[in-house]
C-alpha atoms as a PDB file:
ATOM      1  CA  MET A   1     101.670  97.966  50.437  1.00  0.00           C
ATOM      2  CA  ARG A   2      98.711  97.021  52.618  1.00  0.00           C
ATOM      3  CA  ARG A   3      96.240  99.654  53.565  1.00  0.00           C
ATOM      4  CA  ARG A   4      95.459  99.970  57.266  1.00  0.00           C
ATOM      5  CA  ARG A   5      91.881  99.718  58.354  1.00  0.00           C
ATOM      6  CA  THR A   6      90.682 102.778  60.246  1.00  0.00           C
ATOM      7  CA  PRO A   7      88.781 101.927  63.425  1.00  0.00           C
ATOM      8  CA  ARG A   8      85.148 102.979  63.086  1.00  0.00           C
ATOM      9  CA  ALA A   9      85.410 105.110  66.218  1.00  0.00           C
ATOM     10  CA  LEU A  10      88.011 107.343  64.518  1.00  0.00           C
ATOM     11  CA  VAL A  11      86.330 107.892  61.144  1.00  0.00           C
ATOM     12  CA  GLY A  12      85.912 111.577  60.433  1.00  0.00           C
ATOM     13  CA  GLY A  13      88.856 112.563  62.636  1.00  0.00           C
ATOM     14  CA  ARG A  14      86.831 112.434  65.854  1.00  0.00           C
ATOM     15  CA  ALA A  15      87.703 109.982  68.598  1.00  0.00           C
ATOM     16  CA  GLU A  16      84.570 108.897  70.386  1.00  0.00           C
ATOM     17  CA  ALA A  17      84.279 106.491  73.293  1.00  0.00           C
ATOM     18  CA  ALA A  18      82.756 103.310  71.944  1.00  0.00           C
ATOM     19  CA  PHE A  19      82.162 101.800  75.381  1.00  0.00           C
ATOM     20  CA  THR A  20      83.195 101.909  79.036  1.00  0.00           C
ATOM     21  CA  VAL A  21      85.283  99.577  81.177  1.00  0.00           C
ATOM     22  CA  THR A  22      86.213 100.047  84.809  1.00  0.00           C
ATOM     23  CA  PHE A  23      89.629  99.920  86.443  1.00  0.00           C
ATOM     24  CA  ASP A  24      89.529  99.487  90.213  1.00  0.00           C
ATOM     25  CA  GLY A  25      85.995 100.899  90.054  1.00  0.00           C
ATOM     26  CA  ARG A  26      86.939 103.953  87.971  1.00  0.00           C
ATOM     27  CA  PRO A  27      85.112 104.205  84.615  1.00  0.00           C
ATOM     28  CA  LEU A  28      87.385 104.488  81.570  1.00  0.00           C
ATOM     29  CA  SER A  29      86.545 105.147  77.931  1.00  0.00           C
ATOM     30  CA  ALA A  30      87.620 102.444  75.487  1.00  0.00           C
ATOM     31  CA  LEU A  31      87.602 102.180  71.727  1.00  0.00           C
ATOM     32  CA  ASP A  32      86.765  99.110  69.684  1.00  0.00           C
ATOM     33  CA  GLY A  33      89.967  97.138  69.049  1.00  0.00           C
ATOM     34  CA  GLN A  34      91.975  98.474  72.001  1.00  0.00           C
ATOM     35  CA  SER A  35      93.765  96.140  74.359  1.00  0.00           C
ATOM     36  CA  VAL A  36      93.274  96.514  78.099  1.00  0.00           C
ATOM     37  CA  ALA A  37      96.812  97.966  78.271  1.00  0.00           C
ATOM     38  CA  ALA A  38      95.961 100.591  75.627  1.00  0.00           C
ATOM     39  CA  VAL A  39      92.847 101.613  77.554  1.00  0.00           C
ATOM     40  CA  LEU A  40      94.853 101.977  80.766  1.00  0.00           C
ATOM     41  CA  TRP A  41      97.659 103.900  79.052  1.00  0.00           C
ATOM     42  CA  SER A  42      95.121 106.215  77.405  1.00  0.00           C
ATOM     43  CA  ALA A  43      93.804 107.052  80.863  1.00  0.00           C
ATOM     44  CA  GLY A  44      97.324 107.813  82.144  1.00  0.00           C
ATOM     45  CA  ILE A  45      97.532 104.611  84.209  1.00  0.00           C
ATOM     46  CA  LEU A  46     101.033 103.165  83.848  1.00  0.00           C
ATOM     47  CA  THR A  47     101.120 100.479  86.544  1.00  0.00           C
ATOM     48  CA  TRP A  48      98.478  97.890  87.409  1.00  0.00           C
ATOM     49  CA  ARG A  49     100.241  94.996  89.089  1.00  0.00           C
ATOM     50  CA  THR A  50     102.512  94.451  92.068  1.00  0.00           C
ATOM     51  CA  THR A  51     105.138  91.736  92.251  1.00  0.00           C
ATOM     52  CA  ARG A  52     104.647  88.724  94.497  1.00  0.00           C
ATOM     53  CA  ASN A  53     107.537  89.181  96.923  1.00  0.00           C
ATOM     54  CA  ALA A  54     108.572  92.838  96.897  1.00  0.00           C
ATOM     55  CA  GLY A  55     105.267  94.448  95.955  1.00  0.00           C
ATOM     56  CA  ALA A  56     107.028  96.450  93.215  1.00  0.00           C
ATOM     57  CA  PRO A  57     104.737  98.167  90.685  1.00  0.00           C
ATOM     58  CA  ARG A  58     104.564  96.794  87.141  1.00  0.00           C
ATOM     59  CA  GLY A  59     102.847  97.725  83.877  1.00  0.00           C
ATOM     60  CA  VAL A  60     103.696  97.064  80.241  1.00  0.00           C
ATOM     61  CA  PHE A  61     107.290  96.030  79.582  1.00  0.00           C
ATOM     62  CA  CYS A  62     107.402  94.359  76.168  1.00  0.00           C
ATOM     63  CA  GLY A  63     103.908  95.197  74.911  1.00  0.00           C
ATOM     64  CA  MET A  64     103.698  92.063  72.743  1.00  0.00           C
ATOM     65  CA  GLY A  65     102.940  89.201  75.116  1.00  0.00           C
ATOM     66  CA  SER A  66     106.472  87.857  75.634  1.00  0.00           C
ATOM     67  CA  CYS A  67     106.766  88.856  79.277  1.00  0.00           C
ATOM     68  CA  PHE A  68     104.271  88.757  82.120  1.00  0.00           C
ATOM     69  CA  ASP A  69     104.743  92.227  83.642  1.00  0.00           C
ATOM     70  CA  CYS A  70     101.341  93.541  82.516  1.00  0.00           C
ATOM     71  CA  LEU A  71      99.139  91.000  84.326  1.00  0.00           C
ATOM     72  CA  VAL A  72      95.713  92.203  85.470  1.00  0.00           C
ATOM     73  CA  THR A  73      92.539  90.650  86.756  1.00  0.00           C
ATOM     74  CA  VAL A  74      89.664  90.959  84.265  1.00  0.00           C
ATOM     75  CA  ASN A  75      86.135  90.118  85.380  1.00  0.00           C
ATOM     76  CA  GLY A  76      87.499  88.177  88.350  1.00  0.00           C
ATOM     77  CA  ARG A  77      89.963  86.154  86.250  1.00  0.00           C
ATOM     78  CA  PRO A  78      93.587  86.799  87.304  1.00  0.00           C
ATOM     79  CA  ASN A  79      96.744  86.608  85.215  1.00  0.00           C
ATOM     80  CA  ARG A  80      95.397  88.176  82.014  1.00  0.00           C
ATOM     81  CA  ARG A  81      98.134  89.879  79.967  1.00  0.00           C
ATOM     82  CA  ALA A  82      96.802  93.414  79.471  1.00  0.00           C
ATOM     83  CA  CYS A  83      98.738  93.881  76.227  1.00  0.00           C
ATOM     84  CA  LEU A  84      97.028  90.857  74.626  1.00  0.00           C
ATOM     85  CA  THR A  85      93.571  91.025  76.189  1.00  0.00           C
ATOM     86  CA  PRO A  86      91.025  92.920  74.108  1.00  0.00           C
ATOM     87  CA  ALA A  87      88.910  95.369  76.082  1.00  0.00           C
ATOM     88  CA  ARG A  88      85.220  94.453  76.009  1.00  0.00           C
ATOM     89  CA  PRO A  89      82.200  96.562  76.972  1.00  0.00           C
ATOM     90  CA  GLY A  90      81.571  96.384  80.710  1.00  0.00           C
ATOM     91  CA  ASP A  91      84.875  94.708  81.609  1.00  0.00           C
ATOM     92  CA  ALA A  92      85.858  95.101  85.254  1.00  0.00           C
ATOM     93  CA  VAL A  93      89.653  95.328  85.357  1.00  0.00           C
ATOM     94  CA  THR A  94      91.407  95.366  88.725  1.00  0.00           C
ATOM     95  CA  THR A  95      94.963  95.743  89.948  1.00  0.00           C
ATOM     96  CA  GLN A  96      96.582  92.363  90.394  1.00  0.00           C
ATOM     97  CA  GLU A  97      98.574  91.901  93.553  1.00  0.00           C
ATOM     98  CA  GLY A  98     101.194  89.173  93.557  1.00  0.00           C
ATOM     99  CA  THR A  99      99.992  85.987  91.883  1.00  0.00           C
ATOM    100  CA  GLY A 100      96.418  87.184  91.612  1.00  0.00           C
ATOM    101  CA  ARG A 101      95.160  84.298  93.714  1.00  0.00           C
ATOM    102  CA  ALA A 102      94.232  84.935  97.326  1.00  0.00           C
ATOM    103  CA  ASP A 103      95.450  81.494  98.389  1.00  0.00           C
ATOM    104  CA  LEU A 104      98.922  82.087  96.873  1.00  0.00           C
ATOM    105  CA  ALA A 105      99.490  85.810  97.479  1.00  0.00           C
ATOM    106  CA  VAL A 106     102.405  86.642  99.748  1.00  0.00           C
END
């Protein structure tokens, strides 16, 4: 049986914010090794994208990169899957509307 590695931020039973990212300008605490989706979920944010035609809210559906429901814009780059994108110190994550490209958004 493999032993799981404990993230450094959780050693000693205390969870400490390792760094900060922003979501739509709001600062959020993130831990080393978390995905963007995990950071958003930890902050109680469940939706961060709207669909192209209907504008319906979306967040994580599969959580493993098979679908594209969790798309966000990270540091100005649209169409990043939040469940697969590691959070990095200083990341600016924004809600993605439609395709994420101004010239294609409906």
